[in-house]
């Protein structure tokens, strides 16, 4: 399952309200996957999901923060963080597709 986490932490690229962001993503990119409420993915007020994704004492190995919007995280059905992809990685890339079953 894909879940989007809108954030305005990177050069104010997501300034709108949740409804505006959902509408924009649907109309312009055909997004049909769920979007979480806009939250912070960096800094002291970061979303608990991103606290887990970026703290190796919690996820087992990854300490890096998202560097830009569209950073991708692959989490197993068992809740194990498997891989982190930079925003430059196409979500339909062979690398990602080969890991998703």
PDB file of N, CA and C in Angstrom:
ATOM      1  N   UNK A   1       0.839  -1.168   0.000  1.00  0.00           N
ATOM      2  CA  UNK A   1       0.000   0.000   0.000  1.00  0.00           C
ATOM      3  C   UNK A   1       0.893   1.243   0.000  1.00  0.00           C
ATOM      4  N   UNK A   2       0.499   2.211  -0.760  1.00  0.00           N
ATOM      5  CA  UNK A   2       1.200   3.500  -0.794  1.00  0.00           C
ATOM      6  C   UNK A   2       0.413   4.473   0.067  1.00  0.00           C
ATOM      7  N   UNK A   3       1.124   5.231   0.896  1.00  0.00           N
ATOM      8  CA  UNK A   3       0.516   6.292   1.690  1.00  0.00           C
ATOM      9  C   UNK A   3       1.358   7.547   1.488  1.00  0.00           C
ATOM     10  N   UNK A   4       0.724   8.632   1.132  1.00  0.00           N
ATOM     11  CA  UNK A   4       1.416   9.910   0.961  1.00  0.00           C
ATOM     12  C   UNK A   4       1.359  10.724   2.241  1.00  0.00           C
ATOM     13  N   UNK A   5       2.462  11.397   2.549  1.00  0.00           N
ATOM     14  CA  UNK A   5       2.539  12.245   3.729  1.00  0.00           C
ATOM     15  C   UNK A   5       2.894  13.666   3.297  1.00  0.00           C
ATOM     16  N   UNK A   6       1.890  14.496   2.995  1.00  0.00           N
ATOM     17  CA  UNK A   6       2.187  15.877   2.595  1.00  0.00           C
ATOM     18  C   UNK A   6       2.903  16.627   3.717  1.00  0.00           C
ATOM     19  N   UNK A   7       3.872  17.435   3.323  1.00  0.00           N
ATOM     20  CA  UNK A   7       4.617  18.250   4.281  1.00  0.00           C
ATOM     21  C   UNK A   7       5.043  19.532   3.594  1.00  0.00           C
ATOM     22  N   UNK A   8       5.147  20.571   4.365  1.00  0.00           N
ATOM     23  CA  UNK A   8       5.558  21.868   3.829  1.00  0.00           C
ATOM     24  C   UNK A   8       6.979  22.199   4.289  1.00  0.00           C
ATOM     25  N   UNK A   9       7.770  21.187   4.571  1.00  0.00           N
ATOM     26  CA  UNK A   9       9.103  21.365   5.145  1.00  0.00           C
ATOM     27  C   UNK A   9      10.195  21.674   4.128  1.00  0.00           C
ATOM     28  N   UNK A  10       9.902  21.583   2.855  1.00  0.00           N
ATOM     29  CA  UNK A  10      10.927  21.745   1.829  1.00  0.00           C
ATOM     30  C   UNK A  10      10.557  22.897   0.898  1.00  0.00           C
ATOM     31  N   UNK A  11      11.096  24.056   1.182  1.00  0.00           N
ATOM     32  CA  UNK A  11      10.871  25.272   0.378  1.00  0.00           C
ATOM     33  C   UNK A  11       9.385  25.580   0.170  1.00  0.00           C
ATOM     34  N   UNK A  12       8.571  25.284   1.176  1.00  0.00           N
ATOM     35  CA  UNK A  12       7.142  25.624   1.177  1.00  0.00           C
ATOM     36  C   UNK A  12       6.404  25.113  -0.056  1.00  0.00           C
ATOM     37  N   UNK A  13       6.666  23.868  -0.443  1.00  0.00           N
ATOM     38  CA  UNK A  13       6.039  23.303  -1.634  1.00  0.00           C
ATOM     39  C   UNK A  13       4.625  22.775  -1.388  1.00  0.00           C
ATOM     40  N   UNK A  14       4.192  22.690  -0.148  1.00  0.00           N
ATOM     41  CA  UNK A  14       2.846  22.194   0.170  1.00  0.00           C
ATOM     42  C   UNK A  14       2.128  23.190   1.086  1.00  0.00           C
ATOM     43  N   UNK A  15       1.879  24.412   0.620  1.00  0.00           N
ATOM     44  CA  UNK A  15       1.302  25.413   1.515  1.00  0.00           C
ATOM     45  C   UNK A  15      -0.194  25.233   1.788  1.00  0.00           C
ATOM     46  N   UNK A  16      -0.897  24.471   0.985  1.00  0.00           N
ATOM     47  CA  UNK A  16      -2.350  24.359   1.091  1.00  0.00           C
ATOM     48  C   UNK A  16      -2.830  23.535   2.263  1.00  0.00           C
ATOM     49  N   UNK A  17      -4.146  23.569   2.446  1.00  0.00           N
ATOM     50  CA  UNK A  17      -4.807  22.735   3.450  1.00  0.00           C
ATOM     51  C   UNK A  17      -4.911  21.308   2.916  1.00  0.00           C
ATOM     52  N   UNK A  18      -5.229  20.364   3.789  1.00  0.00           N
ATOM     53  CA  UNK A  18      -5.311  18.947   3.407  1.00  0.00           C
ATOM     54  C   UNK A  18      -6.202  18.719   2.191  1.00  0.00           C
ATOM     55  N   UNK A  19      -7.366  19.345   2.175  1.00  0.00           N
ATOM     56  CA  UNK A  19      -8.305  19.160   1.067  1.00  0.00           C
ATOM     57  C   UNK A  19      -7.730  19.706  -0.240  1.00  0.00           C
ATOM     58  N   UNK A  20      -7.059  20.843  -0.165  1.00  0.00           N
ATOM     59  CA  UNK A  20      -6.444  21.434  -1.361  1.00  0.00           C
ATOM     60  C   UNK A  20      -5.337  20.532  -1.906  1.00  0.00           C
ATOM     61  N   UNK A  21      -4.532  19.992  -1.022  1.00  0.00           N
ATOM     62  CA  UNK A  21      -3.441  19.105  -1.429  1.00  0.00           C
ATOM     63  C   UNK A  21      -4.006  17.845  -2.078  1.00  0.00           C
ATOM     64  N   UNK A  22      -5.023  17.249  -1.458  1.00  0.00           N
ATOM     65  CA  UNK A  22      -5.632  16.025  -2.007  1.00  0.00           C
ATOM     66  C   UNK A  22      -6.228  16.292  -3.382  1.00  0.00           C
ATOM     67  N   UNK A  23      -6.907  17.409  -3.528  1.00  0.00           N
ATOM     68  CA  UNK A  23      -7.509  17.754  -4.820  1.00  0.00           C
ATOM     69  C   UNK A  23      -6.432  17.973  -5.882  1.00  0.00           C
ATOM     70  N   UNK A  24      -5.380  18.721  -5.543  1.00  0.00           N
ATOM     71  CA  UNK A  24      -4.283  18.984  -6.470  1.00  0.00           C
ATOM     72  C   UNK A  24      -3.627  17.684  -6.923  1.00  0.00           C
ATOM     73  N   UNK A  25      -3.342  16.806  -5.971  1.00  0.00           N
ATOM     74  CA  UNK A  25      -2.678  15.529  -6.304  1.00  0.00           C
ATOM     75  C   UNK A  25      -3.563  14.652  -7.179  1.00  0.00           C
ATOM     76  N   UNK A  26      -4.838  14.642  -6.897  1.00  0.00           N
ATOM     77  CA  UNK A  26      -5.775  13.844  -7.690  1.00  0.00           C
ATOM     78  C   UNK A  26      -5.914  14.392  -9.108  1.00  0.00           C
ATOM     79  N   UNK A  27      -6.133  15.689  -9.217  1.00  0.00           N
ATOM     80  CA  UNK A  27      -6.352  16.318 -10.527  1.00  0.00           C
ATOM     81  C   UNK A  27      -5.103  16.336 -11.402  1.00  0.00           C
ATOM     82  N   UNK A  28      -3.947  16.614 -10.812  1.00  0.00           N
ATOM     83  CA  UNK A  28      -2.722  16.788 -11.585  1.00  0.00           C
ATOM     84  C   UNK A  28      -1.886  15.529 -11.752  1.00  0.00           C
ATOM     85  N   UNK A  29      -2.021  14.586 -10.816  1.00  0.00           N
ATOM     86  CA  UNK A  29      -1.172  13.398 -10.863  1.00  0.00           C
ATOM     87  C   UNK A  29      -1.957  12.092 -10.801  1.00  0.00           C
ATOM     88  N   UNK A  30      -3.266  12.168 -10.726  1.00  0.00           N
ATOM     89  CA  UNK A  30      -4.075  10.959 -10.686  1.00  0.00           C
ATOM     90  C   UNK A  30      -3.895  10.132  -9.423  1.00  0.00           C
ATOM     91  N   UNK A  31      -3.506  10.778  -8.336  1.00  0.00           N
ATOM     92  CA  UNK A  31      -3.257  10.070  -7.079  1.00  0.00           C
ATOM     93  C   UNK A  31      -4.559   9.469  -6.554  1.00  0.00           C
ATOM     94  N   UNK A  32      -4.526   8.176  -6.283  1.00  0.00           N
ATOM     95  CA  UNK A  32      -5.677   7.487  -5.708  1.00  0.00           C
ATOM     96  C   UNK A  32      -5.342   6.846  -4.362  1.00  0.00           C
ATOM     97  N   UNK A  33      -4.073   6.849  -3.981  1.00  0.00           N
ATOM     98  CA  UNK A  33      -3.684   6.267  -2.703  1.00  0.00           C
ATOM     99  C   UNK A  33      -4.019   7.233  -1.564  1.00  0.00           C
ATOM    100  N   UNK A  34      -4.119   6.720  -0.335  1.00  0.00           N
ATOM    101  CA  UNK A  34      -4.457   7.579   0.803  1.00  0.00           C
ATOM    102  C   UNK A  34      -3.364   8.616   1.083  1.00  0.00           C
ATOM    103  N   UNK A  35      -3.802   9.794   1.505  1.00  0.00           N
ATOM    104  CA  UNK A  35      -2.895  10.840   1.945  1.00  0.00           C
ATOM    105  C   UNK A  35      -3.157  11.093   3.426  1.00  0.00           C
ATOM    106  N   UNK A  36      -2.098  11.102   4.207  1.00  0.00           N
ATOM    107  CA  UNK A  36      -2.212  11.458   5.615  1.00  0.00           C
ATOM    108  C   UNK A  36      -2.435  12.966   5.714  1.00  0.00           C
ATOM    109  N   UNK A  37      -2.820  13.428   6.867  1.00  0.00           N
ATOM    110  CA  UNK A  37      -2.937  14.867   7.087  1.00  0.00           C
ATOM    111  C   UNK A  37      -1.551  15.492   6.975  1.00  0.00           C
ATOM    112  N   UNK A  38      -1.495  16.704   6.467  1.00  0.00           N
ATOM    113  CA  UNK A  38      -0.215  17.416   6.341  1.00  0.00           C
ATOM    114  C   UNK A  38       0.431  17.519   7.716  1.00  0.00           C
ATOM    115  N   UNK A  39       1.709  17.225   7.757  1.00  0.00           N
ATOM    116  CA  UNK A  39       2.461  17.277   9.014  1.00  0.00           C
ATOM    117  C   UNK A  39       3.923  17.554   8.692  1.00  0.00           C
ATOM    118  N   UNK A  40       4.725  17.652   9.729  1.00  0.00           N
ATOM    119  CA  UNK A  40       6.164  17.845   9.530  1.00  0.00           C
ATOM    120  C   UNK A  40       6.842  16.487   9.397  1.00  0.00           C
ATOM    121  N   UNK A  41       7.808  16.408   8.492  1.00  0.00           N
ATOM    122  CA  UNK A  41       8.589  15.181   8.336  1.00  0.00           C
ATOM    123  C   UNK A  41      10.038  15.390   8.783  1.00  0.00           C
ATOM    124  N   UNK A  42      10.361  16.616   9.170  1.00  0.00           N
ATOM    125  CA  UNK A  42      11.683  16.951   9.719  1.00  0.00           C
ATOM    126  C   UNK A  42      11.474  17.861  10.930  1.00  0.00           C
ATOM    127  N   UNK A  43      12.530  18.037  11.692  1.00  0.00           N
ATOM    128  CA  UNK A  43      12.486  18.973  12.814  1.00  0.00           C
ATOM    129  C   UNK A  43      11.873  18.415  14.080  1.00  0.00           C
ATOM    130  N   UNK A  44      11.767  19.260  15.080  1.00  0.00           N
ATOM    131  CA  UNK A  44      11.318  18.826  16.408  1.00  0.00           C
ATOM    132  C   UNK A  44       9.850  18.413  16.452  1.00  0.00           C
ATOM    133  N   UNK A  45       9.042  18.898  15.508  1.00  0.00           N
ATOM    134  CA  UNK A  45       7.614  18.580  15.482  1.00  0.00           C
ATOM    135  C   UNK A  45       7.265  17.504  14.458  1.00  0.00           C
ATOM    136  N   UNK A  46       8.247  16.700  14.064  1.00  0.00           N
ATOM    137  CA  UNK A  46       7.999  15.724  12.997  1.00  0.00           C
ATOM    138  C   UNK A  46       6.968  14.680  13.405  1.00  0.00           C
ATOM    139  N   UNK A  47       6.240  14.235  12.407  1.00  0.00           N
ATOM    140  CA  UNK A  47       5.230  13.197  12.527  1.00  0.00           C
ATOM    141  C   UNK A  47       5.870  11.953  13.160  1.00  0.00           C
ATOM    142  N   UNK A  48       5.169  11.255  14.063  1.00  0.00           N
ATOM    143  CA  UNK A  48       5.737  10.044  14.684  1.00  0.00           C
ATOM    144  C   UNK A  48       6.197   8.990  13.682  1.00  0.00           C
ATOM    145  N   UNK A  49       5.530   8.891  12.546  1.00  0.00           N
ATOM    146  CA  UNK A  49       5.969   7.939  11.522  1.00  0.00           C
ATOM    147  C   UNK A  49       7.382   8.285  11.077  1.00  0.00           C
ATOM    148  N   UNK A  50       7.659   9.565  10.874  1.00  0.00           N
ATOM    149  CA  UNK A  50       8.980   9.982  10.416  1.00  0.00           C
ATOM    150  C   UNK A  50      10.005   9.963  11.535  1.00  0.00           C
ATOM    151  N   UNK A  51       9.565  10.058  12.781  1.00  0.00           N
ATOM    152  CA  UNK A  51      10.488   9.827  13.901  1.00  0.00           C
ATOM    153  C   UNK A  51      11.007   8.398  13.797  1.00  0.00           C
ATOM    154  N   UNK A  52      10.100   7.459  13.569  1.00  0.00           N
ATOM    155  CA  UNK A  52      10.483   6.056  13.449  1.00  0.00           C
ATOM    156  C   UNK A  52      11.343   5.819  12.213  1.00  0.00           C
ATOM    157  N   UNK A  53      10.934   6.386  11.067  1.00  0.00           N
ATOM    158  CA  UNK A  53      11.661   6.166   9.809  1.00  0.00           C
ATOM    159  C   UNK A  53      13.086   6.717   9.828  1.00  0.00           C
ATOM    160  N   UNK A  54      13.347   7.716  10.670  1.00  0.00           N
ATOM    161  CA  UNK A  54      14.655   8.389  10.635  1.00  0.00           C
ATOM    162  C   UNK A  54      15.465   8.239  11.926  1.00  0.00           C
ATOM    163  N   UNK A  55      15.145   7.238  12.734  1.00  0.00           N
ATOM    164  CA  UNK A  55      15.896   7.007  13.975  1.00  0.00           C
ATOM    165  C   UNK A  55      16.243   5.524  14.070  1.00  0.00           C
ATOM    166  N   UNK A  56      17.533   5.211  13.894  1.00  0.00           N
ATOM    167  CA  UNK A  56      17.930   3.797  13.861  1.00  0.00           C
ATOM    168  C   UNK A  56      17.690   3.071  15.179  1.00  0.00           C
ATOM    169  N   UNK A  57      17.575   3.799  16.279  1.00  0.00           N
ATOM    170  CA  UNK A  57      17.248   3.116  17.540  1.00  0.00           C
ATOM    171  C   UNK A  57      15.797   2.634  17.539  1.00  0.00           C
ATOM    172  N   UNK A  58      14.984   3.187  16.644  1.00  0.00           N
ATOM    173  CA  UNK A  58      13.580   2.780  16.535  1.00  0.00           C
ATOM    174  C   UNK A  58      13.337   1.827  15.364  1.00  0.00           C
ATOM    175  N   UNK A  59      13.988   2.080  14.216  1.00  0.00           N
ATOM    176  CA  UNK A  59      13.726   1.272  13.011  1.00  0.00           C
ATOM    177  C   UNK A  59      14.792   0.216  12.735  1.00  0.00           C
ATOM    178  N   UNK A  60      15.889   0.249  13.470  1.00  0.00           N
ATOM    179  CA  UNK A  60      16.913  -0.782  13.333  1.00  0.00           C
ATOM    180  C   UNK A  60      18.137  -0.422  12.527  1.00  0.00           C
ATOM    181  N   UNK A  61      18.062   0.595  11.612  1.00  0.00           N
ATOM    182  CA  UNK A  61      19.247   0.860  10.805  1.00  0.00           C
ATOM    183  C   UNK A  61      19.329   2.250  10.170  1.00  0.00           C
ATOM    184  N   UNK A  62      18.239   2.942   9.972  1.00  0.00           N
ATOM    185  CA  UNK A  62      18.297   4.201   9.221  1.00  0.00           C
ATOM    186  C   UNK A  62      18.232   5.423  10.133  1.00  0.00           C
ATOM    187  N   UNK A  63      19.241   6.286  10.012  1.00  0.00           N
ATOM    188  CA  UNK A  63      19.290   7.538  10.763  1.00  0.00           C
ATOM    189  C   UNK A  63      19.085   8.770   9.886  1.00  0.00           C
ATOM    190  N   UNK A  64      18.901   8.595   8.579  1.00  0.00           N
ATOM    191  CA  UNK A  64      18.827   9.768   7.705  1.00  0.00           C
ATOM    192  C   UNK A  64      17.422  10.348   7.659  1.00  0.00           C
ATOM    193  N   UNK A  65      17.378  11.682   7.637  1.00  0.00           N
ATOM    194  CA  UNK A  65      16.128  12.426   7.490  1.00  0.00           C
ATOM    195  C   UNK A  65      15.780  12.500   6.008  1.00  0.00           C
ATOM    196  N   UNK A  66      14.500  12.683   5.675  1.00  0.00           N
ATOM    197  CA  UNK A  66      14.184  12.928   4.262  1.00  0.00           C
ATOM    198  C   UNK A  66      14.871  14.216   3.812  1.00  0.00           C
ATOM    199  N   UNK A  67      15.490  14.171   2.650  1.00  0.00           N
ATOM    200  CA  UNK A  67      16.228  15.329   2.137  1.00  0.00           C
ATOM    201  C   UNK A  67      15.341  16.255   1.310  1.00  0.00           C
ATOM    202  N   UNK A  68      14.225  15.703   0.797  1.00  0.00           N
ATOM    203  CA  UNK A  68      13.343  16.485  -0.069  1.00  0.00           C
ATOM    204  C   UNK A  68      12.001  15.768  -0.147  1.00  0.00           C
ATOM    205  N   UNK A  69      10.998  16.478  -0.645  1.00  0.00           N
ATOM    206  CA  UNK A  69       9.698  15.837  -0.881  1.00  0.00           C
ATOM    207  C   UNK A  69       9.880  14.614  -1.770  1.00  0.00           C
ATOM    208  N   UNK A  70       9.008  13.674  -1.632  1.00  0.00           N
ATOM    209  CA  UNK A  70       8.948  12.452  -2.434  1.00  0.00           C
ATOM    210  C   UNK A  70      10.038  11.440  -2.095  1.00  0.00           C
ATOM    211  N   UNK A  71      10.679  11.580  -0.924  1.00  0.00           N
ATOM    212  CA  UNK A  71      11.520  10.495  -0.429  1.00  0.00           C
ATOM    213  C   UNK A  71      10.588   9.309  -0.212  1.00  0.00           C
ATOM    214  N   UNK A  72      11.061   8.128  -0.543  1.00  0.00           N
ATOM    215  CA  UNK A  72      10.223   6.935  -0.470  1.00  0.00           C
ATOM    216  C   UNK A  72      10.818   5.938   0.520  1.00  0.00           C
ATOM    217  N   UNK A  73       9.933   5.324   1.301  1.00  0.00           N
ATOM    218  CA  UNK A  73      10.341   4.328   2.291  1.00  0.00           C
ATOM    219  C   UNK A  73       9.590   3.036   2.003  1.00  0.00           C
ATOM    220  N   UNK A  74      10.309   1.944   1.987  1.00  0.00           N
ATOM    221  CA  UNK A  74       9.690   0.639   1.795  1.00  0.00           C
ATOM    222  C   UNK A  74       9.665  -0.066   3.148  1.00  0.00           C
ATOM    223  N   UNK A  75       8.454  -0.360   3.614  1.00  0.00           N
ATOM    224  CA  UNK A  75       8.248  -1.022   4.902  1.00  0.00           C
ATOM    225  C   UNK A  75       7.522  -2.330   4.631  1.00  0.00           C
ATOM    226  N   UNK A  76       8.005  -3.406   5.229  1.00  0.00           N
ATOM    227  CA  UNK A  76       7.377  -4.719   5.015  1.00  0.00           C
ATOM    228  C   UNK A  76       6.029  -4.784   5.726  1.00  0.00           C
ATOM    229  N   UNK A  77       5.261  -5.802   5.376  1.00  0.00           N
ATOM    230  CA  UNK A  77       3.982  -6.028   6.044  1.00  0.00           C
ATOM    231  C   UNK A  77       4.170  -6.326   7.530  1.00  0.00           C
ATOM    232  N   UNK A  78       5.360  -6.735   7.906  1.00  0.00           N
ATOM    233  CA  UNK A  78       5.669  -7.007   9.307  1.00  0.00           C
ATOM    234  C   UNK A  78       6.162  -5.757  10.041  1.00  0.00           C
ATOM    235  N   UNK A  79       6.223  -4.628   9.349  1.00  0.00           N
ATOM    236  CA  UNK A  79       6.638  -3.382   9.977  1.00  0.00           C
ATOM    237  C   UNK A  79       8.133  -3.149  10.012  1.00  0.00           C
ATOM    238  N   UNK A  80       8.885  -3.829   9.161  1.00  0.00           N
ATOM    239  CA  UNK A  80      10.342  -3.671   9.102  1.00  0.00           C
ATOM    240  C   UNK A  80      10.698  -2.683   7.990  1.00  0.00           C
ATOM    241  N   UNK A  81      11.503  -1.675   8.326  1.00  0.00           N
ATOM    242  CA  UNK A  81      11.979  -0.741   7.313  1.00  0.00           C
ATOM    243  C   UNK A  81      13.002  -1.466   6.448  1.00  0.00           C
ATOM    244  N   UNK A  82      12.693  -1.588   5.163  1.00  0.00           N
ATOM    245  CA  UNK A  82      13.540  -2.354   4.255  1.00  0.00           C
ATOM    246  C   UNK A  82      14.504  -1.488   3.452  1.00  0.00           C
ATOM    247  N   UNK A  83      14.043  -0.325   2.985  1.00  0.00           N
ATOM    248  CA  UNK A  83      14.869   0.474   2.078  1.00  0.00           C
ATOM    249  C   UNK A  83      14.350   1.905   2.068  1.00  0.00           C
ATOM    250  N   UNK A  84      15.269   2.822   1.813  1.00  0.00           N
ATOM    251  CA  UNK A  84      14.939   4.240   1.649  1.00  0.00           C
ATOM    252  C   UNK A  84      15.401   4.654   0.262  1.00  0.00           C
ATOM    253  N   UNK A  85      14.530   5.342  -0.465  1.00  0.00           N
ATOM    254  CA  UNK A  85      14.838   5.817  -1.805  1.00  0.00           C
ATOM    255  C   UNK A  85      14.779   7.338  -1.827  1.00  0.00           C
ATOM    256  N   UNK A  86      15.755   7.983  -2.451  1.00  0.00           N
ATOM    257  CA  UNK A  86      15.702   9.451  -2.550  1.00  0.00           C
ATOM    258  C   UNK A  86      14.561   9.902  -3.452  1.00  0.00           C
ATOM    259  N   UNK A  87      14.219  11.164  -3.354  1.00  0.00           N
ATOM    260  CA  UNK A  87      13.112  11.704  -4.153  1.00  0.00           C
ATOM    261  C   UNK A  87      13.356  11.553  -5.645  1.00  0.00           C
ATOM    262  N   UNK A  88      14.600  11.478  -6.059  1.00  0.00           N
ATOM    263  CA  UNK A  88      14.919  11.347  -7.486  1.00  0.00           C
ATOM    264  C   UNK A  88      14.584   9.960  -8.050  1.00  0.00           C
ATOM    265  N   UNK A  89      14.322   8.986  -7.188  1.00  0.00           N
ATOM    266  CA  UNK A  89      13.984   7.642  -7.655  1.00  0.00           C
ATOM    267  C   UNK A  89      12.542   7.621  -8.136  1.00  0.00           C
ATOM    268  N   UNK A  90      12.342   7.204  -9.358  1.00  0.00           N
ATOM    269  CA  UNK A  90      11.004   7.099  -9.924  1.00  0.00           C
ATOM    270  C   UNK A  90      10.250   5.991  -9.189  1.00  0.00           C
ATOM    271  N   UNK A  91       9.024   6.263  -8.724  1.00  0.00           N
ATOM    272  CA  UNK A  91       8.294   5.228  -7.995  1.00  0.00           C
ATOM    273  C   UNK A  91       7.998   3.986  -8.831  1.00  0.00           C
ATOM    274  N   UNK A  92       8.075   4.103 -10.143  1.00  0.00           N
ATOM    275  CA  UNK A  92       7.852   2.953 -11.022  1.00  0.00           C
ATOM    276  C   UNK A  92       9.167   2.356 -11.515  1.00  0.00           C
ATOM    277  N   UNK A  93      10.271   2.721 -10.873  1.00  0.00           N
ATOM    278  CA  UNK A  93      11.581   2.220 -11.293  1.00  0.00           C
ATOM    279  C   UNK A  93      11.671   0.704 -11.123  1.00  0.00           C
ATOM    280  N   UNK A  94      12.545   0.116 -11.883  1.00  0.00           N
ATOM    281  CA  UNK A  94      12.790  -1.327 -11.781  1.00  0.00           C
ATOM    282  C   UNK A  94      13.222  -1.667 -10.364  1.00  0.00           C
ATOM    283  N   UNK A  95      14.057  -0.827  -9.770  1.00  0.00           N
ATOM    284  CA  UNK A  95      14.551  -1.086  -8.425  1.00  0.00           C
ATOM    285  C   UNK A  95      13.414  -1.208  -7.420  1.00  0.00           C
ATOM    286  N   UNK A  96      12.478  -0.284  -7.455  1.00  0.00           N
ATOM    287  CA  UNK A  96      11.340  -0.338  -6.529  1.00  0.00           C
ATOM    288  C   UNK A  96      10.410  -1.483  -6.903  1.00  0.00           C
ATOM    289  N   UNK A  97      10.074  -1.593  -8.174  1.00  0.00           N
ATOM    290  CA  UNK A  97       9.151  -2.634  -8.618  1.00  0.00           C
ATOM    291  C   UNK A  97       9.657  -4.035  -8.280  1.00  0.00           C
ATOM    292  N   UNK A  98      10.970  -4.243  -8.325  1.00  0.00           N
ATOM    293  CA  UNK A  98      11.521  -5.561  -8.038  1.00  0.00           C
ATOM    294  C   UNK A  98      11.391  -5.927  -6.553  1.00  0.00           C
ATOM    295  N   UNK A  99      11.229  -4.931  -5.698  1.00  0.00           N
ATOM    296  CA  UNK A  99      11.112  -5.189  -4.258  1.00  0.00           C
ATOM    297  C   UNK A  99       9.667  -5.300  -3.778  1.00  0.00           C
ATOM    298  N   UNK A 100       8.746  -4.846  -4.595  1.00  0.00           N
ATOM    299  CA  UNK A 100       7.333  -4.873  -4.230  1.00  0.00           C
ATOM    300  C   UNK A 100       6.702  -6.107  -4.857  1.00  0.00           C
ATOM    301  N   UNK A 101       6.052  -6.882  -4.059  1.00  0.00           N
ATOM    302  CA  UNK A 101       5.469  -8.135  -4.569  1.00  0.00           C
ATOM    303  C   UNK A 101       3.968  -8.055  -4.576  1.00  0.00           C
TER     304      UNK A 101
END
